[in-house]
Protein backbone atom coordinates (compact mmCIF):
# COMPACT_ATOMS: atom_id res chain seq x y z
CA UNK A 1 52.70 -119.71 25.87
CA UNK A 2 52.97 -120.38 29.61
CA UNK A 3 53.40 -123.85 31.10
CA UNK A 4 53.01 -124.38 34.85
CA UNK A 5 52.95 -121.81 37.64
CA UNK A 6 55.58 -119.24 38.44
CA UNK A 7 57.33 -120.65 41.58
CA UNK A 8 57.57 -117.16 43.09
CA UNK A 9 53.82 -116.47 42.81
CA UNK A 10 53.08 -116.87 46.53
CA UNK A 11 56.62 -116.48 47.83
CA UNK A 12 56.94 -114.25 50.91
CA UNK A 13 59.76 -111.73 50.72
CA UNK A 14 62.01 -111.48 53.77
CA UNK A 15 61.85 -107.69 54.13
CA UNK A 16 60.20 -107.47 57.55
CA UNK A 17 63.59 -107.70 59.25
CA UNK A 18 64.44 -104.25 57.89
CA UNK A 19 63.02 -101.07 59.42
CA UNK A 20 65.61 -98.45 58.47
CA UNK A 21 66.63 -97.55 54.93
CA UNK A 22 69.72 -95.60 53.89
CA UNK A 23 69.58 -94.00 50.42
CA UNK A 24 72.74 -92.63 48.78
CA UNK A 25 72.72 -91.22 45.23
CA UNK A 26 76.10 -91.66 43.50
CA UNK A 27 77.31 -89.64 40.52
CA UNK A 28 80.94 -90.17 39.43
CA UNK A 29 81.07 -89.80 35.61
CA UNK A 30 84.89 -89.88 35.40
CA UNK A 31 88.06 -89.46 37.47
CA UNK A 32 89.15 -86.07 36.13
CA UNK A 33 89.30 -82.65 37.78
CA UNK A 34 86.66 -82.32 40.49
CA UNK A 35 86.10 -86.10 40.47
CA UNK A 36 89.77 -87.10 40.86
CA UNK A 37 89.40 -88.40 44.46
CA UNK A 38 85.64 -88.90 44.58
CA UNK A 39 85.73 -92.66 43.97
CA UNK A 40 88.11 -93.14 46.92
CA UNK A 41 85.82 -90.99 49.06
CA UNK A 42 82.79 -93.07 48.04
CA UNK A 43 84.61 -96.21 49.22
CA UNK A 44 85.32 -94.59 52.60
CA UNK A 45 81.66 -93.55 52.83
CA UNK A 46 80.33 -97.05 52.18
CA UNK A 47 82.97 -98.66 54.38
CA UNK A 48 81.95 -96.41 57.28
CA UNK A 49 78.28 -97.14 56.59
CA UNK A 50 78.87 -100.89 56.62
CA UNK A 51 80.71 -100.66 59.95
CA UNK A 52 78.17 -98.44 61.71
CA UNK A 53 74.75 -99.82 60.76
CA UNK A 54 72.63 -102.46 62.48
CA UNK A 55 71.47 -105.70 60.87
CA UNK A 56 68.00 -104.31 60.25
CA UNK A 57 69.30 -101.59 57.90
CA UNK A 58 68.45 -101.70 54.19
CA UNK A 59 71.05 -99.82 52.13
CA UNK A 60 69.97 -98.48 48.72
CA UNK A 61 72.48 -97.00 46.28
CA UNK A 62 71.16 -95.09 43.27
CA UNK A 63 73.91 -95.12 40.66
CA UNK A 64 73.08 -91.88 38.93
CA UNK A 65 74.96 -92.29 35.64
CA UNK A 66 78.43 -93.13 36.97
CA UNK A 67 81.26 -94.51 34.83
CA UNK A 68 81.75 -98.26 34.25
CA UNK A 69 84.42 -98.72 36.94
CA UNK A 70 82.18 -97.25 39.63
CA UNK A 71 79.21 -99.27 38.37
CA UNK A 72 81.28 -102.46 38.55
CA UNK A 73 82.35 -101.65 42.12
CA UNK A 74 78.75 -101.08 43.18
CA UNK A 75 77.66 -104.34 41.54
CA UNK A 76 80.33 -106.09 43.60
CA UNK A 77 79.03 -104.43 46.79
CA UNK A 78 75.57 -105.76 45.99
CA UNK A 79 76.79 -109.29 45.26
CA UNK A 80 78.61 -109.32 48.62
CA UNK A 81 75.38 -108.18 50.38
CA UNK A 82 77.11 -105.07 51.74
CA UNK A 83 74.27 -103.12 50.16
CA UNK A 84 70.75 -104.49 49.72
CA UNK A 85 69.59 -102.59 46.64
CA UNK A 86 71.34 -101.05 43.64
CA UNK A 87 69.48 -98.96 41.09
CA UNK A 88 71.30 -98.06 37.86
CA UNK A 89 70.03 -95.00 35.98
CA UNK A 90 71.31 -92.35 33.64
CA UNK A 91 72.05 -88.99 35.29
CA UNK A 92 68.58 -88.00 36.50
CA UNK A 93 69.77 -85.64 39.26
CA UNK A 94 69.91 -86.01 43.04
CA UNK A 95 66.26 -85.29 43.83
CA UNK A 96 64.84 -87.75 41.30
CA UNK A 97 67.39 -90.32 42.47
CA UNK A 98 66.09 -89.91 46.03
CA UNK A 99 62.50 -90.43 44.87
CA UNK A 100 63.55 -93.52 42.92
CA UNK A 101 65.40 -94.94 45.93
CA UNK A 102 62.56 -94.39 48.39
CA UNK A 103 59.65 -95.42 46.15
CA UNK A 104 58.22 -98.89 46.61
CA UNK A 105 59.40 -99.27 50.20
CA UNK A 106 57.72 -98.72 53.54
CA UNK A 107 60.49 -98.35 56.12
CA UNK A 108 59.88 -96.46 59.35
CA UNK A 109 63.01 -94.37 58.94
CA UNK A 110 64.91 -93.26 55.85
CA UNK A 111 68.40 -91.78 56.00
CA UNK A 112 69.35 -89.75 52.94
CA UNK A 113 73.04 -88.96 52.58
CA UNK A 114 75.48 -87.59 50.06
CA UNK A 115 78.16 -90.00 48.87
CA UNK A 116 80.89 -88.04 50.67
CA UNK A 117 79.61 -88.64 54.22
CA UNK A 118 81.81 -90.47 56.72
CA UNK A 119 79.48 -92.08 59.27
CA UNK A 120 80.75 -92.37 62.85
CA UNK A 121 80.06 -94.97 65.55
CA UNK A 122 76.63 -94.86 67.23
CA UNK A 123 75.06 -92.49 64.70
CA UNK A 124 72.10 -94.82 64.27
CA UNK A 125 71.53 -95.37 67.99
CA UNK A 126 71.73 -91.65 68.78
CA UNK A 127 69.39 -90.80 65.92
CA UNK A 128 66.87 -93.33 67.19
CA UNK A 129 67.12 -91.92 70.71
CA UNK A 130 65.99 -88.53 69.42
CA UNK A 131 63.01 -90.00 67.56
CA UNK A 132 62.00 -91.96 70.67
CA UNK A 133 62.50 -89.03 73.07
CA UNK A 134 60.88 -86.33 70.91
CA UNK A 135 57.57 -87.63 69.48
CA UNK A 136 57.30 -84.61 67.14
CA UNK A 137 60.74 -85.13 65.61
CA UNK A 138 60.49 -85.97 61.91
CA UNK A 139 64.02 -85.14 60.72
CA UNK A 140 67.27 -85.81 62.59
CA UNK A 141 70.64 -84.65 61.26
CA UNK A 142 74.06 -85.88 62.37
CA UNK A 143 76.18 -82.72 62.06
CA UNK A 144 75.44 -79.57 64.13
CA UNK A 145 75.68 -76.39 62.04
CA UNK A 146 75.78 -72.62 62.59
CA UNK A 147 72.43 -70.88 63.15
CA UNK A 148 70.56 -73.85 61.78
CA UNK A 149 67.57 -72.95 63.96
CA UNK A 150 66.92 -69.87 61.79
CA UNK A 151 65.47 -71.92 58.97
CA UNK A 152 62.45 -74.25 59.05
CA UNK A 153 62.30 -74.52 62.85
CA UNK A 154 59.78 -71.78 63.55
CA UNK A 155 57.13 -74.30 64.65
CA UNK A 156 59.51 -75.91 67.16
CA UNK A 157 60.51 -72.53 68.58
CA UNK A 158 56.85 -71.49 68.78
CA UNK A 159 55.91 -74.71 70.61
CA UNK A 160 58.73 -74.33 73.14
CA UNK A 161 59.07 -70.56 73.34
CA UNK A 162 58.40 -70.35 77.09
CA UNK A 163 60.01 -73.67 77.98
CA UNK A 164 63.30 -73.69 79.87
CA UNK A 165 64.23 -76.79 77.90
CA UNK A 166 64.77 -74.61 74.82
CA UNK A 167 67.96 -72.61 75.34
CA UNK A 168 71.44 -71.84 74.11
CA UNK A 169 74.04 -74.27 75.43
CA UNK A 170 77.75 -74.67 74.84
CA UNK A 171 78.74 -76.42 71.62
CA UNK A 172 79.71 -79.98 72.56
CA UNK A 173 82.39 -80.45 69.88
CA UNK A 174 83.69 -77.11 68.53
CA UNK A 175 86.56 -78.79 66.66
CA UNK A 176 84.23 -80.95 64.57
CA UNK A 177 81.92 -78.00 63.98
CA UNK A 178 84.83 -75.96 62.61
CA UNK A 179 85.97 -78.91 60.49
CA UNK A 180 82.58 -79.07 58.79
CA UNK A 181 82.85 -75.49 57.58
CA UNK A 182 86.40 -76.07 56.43
CA UNK A 183 85.18 -79.10 54.47
CA UNK A 184 82.65 -77.01 52.52
CA UNK A 185 85.24 -74.41 51.60
CA UNK A 186 84.61 -71.64 54.13
CA UNK A 187 87.44 -69.30 55.05
CA UNK A 188 88.36 -68.98 58.72
CA UNK A 189 86.85 -65.48 59.00
CA UNK A 190 83.38 -66.40 60.31
CA UNK A 191 81.99 -65.33 63.69
CA UNK A 192 83.80 -67.49 66.25
CA UNK A 193 80.91 -67.07 68.69
CA UNK A 194 79.11 -69.68 66.60
CA UNK A 195 81.64 -72.21 67.89
CA UNK A 196 80.71 -71.42 71.49
CA UNK A 197 76.91 -71.60 71.77
CA UNK A 198 74.14 -73.36 69.88
CA UNK A 199 70.35 -73.53 70.35
CA UNK A 200 69.25 -76.87 71.83
CA UNK A 201 66.11 -78.58 73.11
CA UNK A 202 66.18 -81.03 76.02
CA UNK A 203 63.68 -83.87 76.40
CA UNK A 204 61.86 -84.70 79.64
CA UNK A 205 64.43 -87.47 80.18
CA UNK A 206 67.39 -85.17 79.70
CA UNK A 207 68.38 -85.92 76.09
CA UNK A 208 69.68 -82.80 74.37
CA UNK A 209 69.32 -82.14 70.63
CA UNK A 210 70.31 -79.23 68.42
CA UNK A 211 67.40 -77.28 66.91
CA UNK A 212 67.23 -77.61 63.12
CA UNK A 213 68.81 -79.91 60.56
CA UNK A 214 70.74 -79.71 57.31
CA UNK A 215 70.36 -81.82 54.17
CA UNK A 216 73.65 -83.52 53.35
CA UNK A 217 72.94 -86.30 55.85
CA UNK A 218 69.69 -86.65 57.79
CA UNK A 219 67.17 -89.30 58.80
CA UNK A 220 63.48 -88.83 58.05
CA UNK A 221 60.28 -90.44 59.19
CA UNK A 222 58.53 -91.99 56.20
CA UNK A 223 55.82 -89.33 56.00
CA UNK A 224 58.39 -86.51 56.05
CA UNK A 225 59.44 -87.24 52.46
CA UNK A 226 57.06 -86.21 49.70
CA UNK A 227 57.72 -88.91 47.10
CA UNK A 228 54.39 -87.93 45.53
CA UNK A 229 55.78 -84.50 44.64
CA UNK A 230 54.66 -83.95 41.04
CA UNK A 231 56.52 -80.77 40.15
CA UNK A 232 58.98 -80.65 37.28
CA UNK A 233 62.51 -81.09 38.66
CA UNK A 234 64.71 -79.23 36.20
CA UNK A 235 68.08 -79.16 38.01
CA UNK A 236 70.39 -81.99 39.04
CA UNK A 237 71.09 -80.28 42.37
CA UNK A 238 68.52 -77.80 43.63
CA UNK A 239 67.82 -76.42 47.13
CA UNK A 240 64.39 -75.46 45.80
CA UNK A 241 63.41 -79.08 45.27
CA UNK A 242 65.09 -80.16 48.49
CA UNK A 243 62.52 -77.93 50.19
CA UNK A 244 59.60 -79.43 48.26
CA UNK A 245 60.73 -83.03 48.72
CA UNK A 246 62.33 -83.03 52.17
CA UNK A 247 61.31 -79.88 54.09
CA UNK A 248 57.71 -78.88 53.47
CA UNK A 249 56.10 -82.22 54.42
CA UNK A 250 57.37 -81.92 58.01
CA UNK A 251 56.15 -78.34 58.32
CA UNK A 252 52.69 -79.21 57.03
CA UNK A 253 52.48 -82.02 59.59
CA UNK A 254 53.72 -79.64 62.32
CA UNK A 255 56.74 -81.82 63.05
CA UNK A 256 60.25 -80.81 64.12
CA UNK A 257 63.75 -80.80 62.64
CA UNK A 258 66.55 -81.71 65.07
CA UNK A 259 70.22 -82.72 65.01
CA UNK A 260 72.27 -84.87 67.37
CA UNK A 261 74.11 -82.75 69.94
CA UNK A 262 77.30 -84.70 69.26
CA UNK A 263 78.87 -84.64 65.81
CA UNK A 264 78.25 -88.14 64.40
CA UNK A 265 79.37 -87.78 60.78
CA UNK A 266 81.93 -85.90 58.73
CA UNK A 267 81.57 -84.20 55.38
CA UNK A 268 84.57 -85.24 53.28
CA UNK A 269 84.06 -83.16 50.14
CA UNK A 270 85.87 -84.13 46.94
CA UNK A 271 89.51 -84.13 48.12
CA UNK A 272 90.85 -87.14 50.03
CA UNK A 273 92.80 -86.29 53.21
CA UNK A 274 94.72 -88.43 55.73
CA UNK A 275 92.33 -87.74 58.60
CA UNK A 276 89.55 -89.60 56.79
CA UNK A 277 91.27 -92.98 57.03
CA UNK A 278 92.27 -92.20 60.62
CA UNK A 279 88.62 -91.62 61.51
CA UNK A 280 87.59 -94.76 59.63
CA UNK A 281 90.05 -96.85 61.63
CA UNK A 282 88.58 -95.56 64.90
CA UNK A 283 85.08 -96.80 64.09
CA UNK A 284 83.84 -99.77 66.07
CA UNK A 285 81.57 -102.08 64.12
CA UNK A 286 77.91 -102.26 65.13
CA UNK A 287 75.99 -105.50 65.61
CA UNK A 288 72.48 -106.60 66.50
CA UNK A 289 69.16 -104.88 65.82
CA UNK A 290 67.66 -101.61 67.02
CA UNK A 291 64.16 -101.12 68.43
CA UNK A 292 61.92 -98.43 66.96
CA UNK A 293 59.21 -97.31 69.39
CA UNK A 294 57.79 -94.10 67.96
CA UNK A 295 54.51 -93.30 66.22
CA UNK A 296 53.98 -91.55 62.91
CA UNK A 297 51.75 -88.52 62.38
CA UNK A 298 50.03 -88.30 59.00
CA UNK A 299 47.50 -85.47 59.26
CA UNK A 300 48.29 -82.08 57.75
CA UNK A 301 47.67 -79.22 60.17
CA UNK A 302 46.81 -76.26 57.98
CA UNK A 303 45.99 -73.67 60.66
CA UNK A 304 48.98 -74.38 62.89
CA UNK A 305 51.23 -74.48 59.83
CA UNK A 306 50.12 -70.99 58.81
CA UNK A 307 50.35 -69.62 62.35
CA UNK A 308 53.82 -70.98 63.10
CA UNK A 309 55.55 -70.95 59.73
CA UNK A 310 54.15 -67.71 58.36
CA UNK A 311 52.84 -65.37 61.05
CA UNK A 312 55.30 -66.34 63.80
CA UNK A 313 58.16 -66.56 61.29
CA UNK A 314 57.64 -62.92 60.32
CA UNK A 315 57.67 -61.89 63.98
CA UNK A 316 60.74 -64.01 64.75
CA UNK A 317 62.72 -62.54 61.86
CA UNK A 318 62.22 -59.01 63.15
CA UNK A 319 65.69 -57.84 64.27
CA UNK A 320 64.52 -56.37 67.58
CA UNK A 321 62.45 -59.45 68.49
CA UNK A 322 65.30 -61.77 67.50
CA UNK A 323 67.76 -60.00 69.84
CA UNK A 324 65.27 -60.32 72.69
CA UNK A 325 64.88 -64.02 71.89
CA UNK A 326 68.66 -64.60 72.02
CA UNK A 327 68.92 -63.10 75.51
CA UNK A 328 65.69 -64.75 76.68
CA UNK A 329 67.13 -68.14 75.72
CA UNK A 330 70.37 -67.72 77.60
CA UNK A 331 72.87 -66.35 75.11
CA UNK A 332 75.42 -64.17 76.98
CA UNK A 333 74.86 -60.44 76.51
CA UNK A 334 78.29 -59.76 74.98
CA UNK A 335 77.69 -62.47 72.37
CA UNK A 336 74.11 -61.42 71.61
CA UNK A 337 75.34 -58.20 70.01
CA UNK A 338 77.22 -60.15 67.37
CA UNK A 339 75.39 -63.42 66.77
């Protein structure tokens, strides 16, 4: 039996003030072995996020089957309004957690990050600059990476092949670039030329961005995430489903993947180190709101997708053509031989 009317029946929700969502899946089942320091790293991640985001940011945490202590901490973060949404699930895997976090919302931008990301000052402002300066940008990463233009950026390279704005330029922060590869366990035996030059694109107003983007932290336009993906996701962590969920939508819409030219986040991994707290202390808190002035493209472009991401890709991956491209885009001759 029901008596009276539900008082929330015609209540307007105050969600219009938010236009940027951050989604972070969290999986910390215990504090043993690999997970020994991961809880401390999560706290650094969320602390850095709190300090660096504007007031119109909606933070969603998907607690993906973590232990009770972590769950209690996240509940406390929600009660203090440090995060705006907390979803508790069993361990459903990263990709399903992303879908769960994004579903039901309609934000212009969605940042998806691992729980071991240390966000740096101005990451949000610089990300927004790229979206505003490059109308075809659909994904913007925060950490430049080696040869990232070689994957999923064939349409961007095709569009700008004869433009002088697409060229190799000197890496802005080689130290941070090297630190990223150390953080993911690489030995120091990689090609050091990768620390010298990187492929960039410059806007008509002079803003420079790195071509390509990784997955561990990136911001997406709403239509660049396929939450309607209906395939069976079998693995908890799978590059295959990253492509289906986060990569293919942009390519089908003929949109671009870019990264900030400056390193604006750090990958911490699973071992806590002193430099992490030092970086956290350097962060200056953000305040106020950010203005979002870009348009969204929603129409799949089948012919251009096939031309750029299949036919041109095959040409671009030809060794002889690739060497010509490197020289054509300004890479020094002595480096071209070993790049």
